[in-house]
Amino acid sequence: MPSIVVAEPQSTEKSKKIMMKAEAPVFEEDSKSVEKKVKKEKKSSKKTKLTSEPDPDDSNKKIKEKKRKASSGKIKGGSDGDEEERSETSSESGEPMNLGKKKKKMKFDEGVVEEKKVEEDPNAVSNFRISKPLKDALKSKGIESLFPIQAMTFNLVLDGSDLVGRARTGQGKTLAFVLPILESLTNGPAKAVRKTGYGRAPSVLVLLPTRELATQVHADFETYGGSLGLNSCCLYGGSPYQPQQNQLKRGVDIVVGTPGRIKDHIERGNIDFRSLKFRVLDEADEMLRMGFVEDVELILGM
């Protein structure tokens, strides 16, 4: 509904009072001048009685005509004031109606722009070849769109291309290789050649320089890979060999670990990497700096 706003209503009332006060003395002065003239005419009429007798009706007619003019002046003044007030109120009442409509239109236009921006998000999860179970797992973590490095590398990794990626900490490097690898093993090119069943050899190997990083990456593979029915294990030093050996014997799809402990399992004959489809070196510069060059070369050469 349109709203009518009258701005500064007190100013119009004050202007009315000022106009009435200014007009009142003018009419009083006119009446006094009329009375003075009447008295003068009476005196002059008395003096001229001896010479001639004027018609008394003429003076009365003049007085009546002057009074009529004075009263007509009052009426005209009031009508002009009313017209000015009406014009002011009409102009003031017209502006808020137009402003209200403009504001509504602007709000509606802004809402349309925001909806278009949401619809045109190129990194939305729905724009990538991600299966429903994995989408649901991402949604449970509050992830509705991919980071730039994840969006840029997803199709390349999924299709089996070699890749070198660089990004700062917290920009989603881990999921940049976790998501496409999982999709490839379950719905992509690696599905047909992936080993299954008890005692199966791993299809994915992820090397990291420290135990802390290895546990973090393993947690992502367990969370998202578990929704697709894939198993993973984490191998690092400082923990007993037997539990790790038992996992490898039952068969796993993904192995995550540090170079030193994985080398030990290779020498013990617990791991067979001949069926690998993906090899990932996470924090490769850090592994080289820590002196794992020979171990990494040995592992990748298997």
Foldseek 3Di string as FASTA:
>chain_A
DFDFDAPPPVVLVVVVVVLVVVPVVVLVVLVVVLVVVLVVVVVVQVVCVVVDHDDPVVSVVVSVVSVVVSVVVVVVVVVVSVVVVVVSSVVRRVVSRVVVVVVVVVVVVVVVVVVVVVVPPCFFPVNDPADPLLVVLCVVVVDGGAFPLLVVQQVCVLQQHDDDDDDDPPRCPLCSNLRSVLCNCQPRDVVVLADDFFLGAAAEEEEEADPVVQVVSQVVCCSNVVSRVFFEDEWEPPDDPVVVLVDNRRPGHYYTYYLVRVLVCVVVVSHDCPNYSYYHYDPVVVCVVVPCPVSVVVVVVD
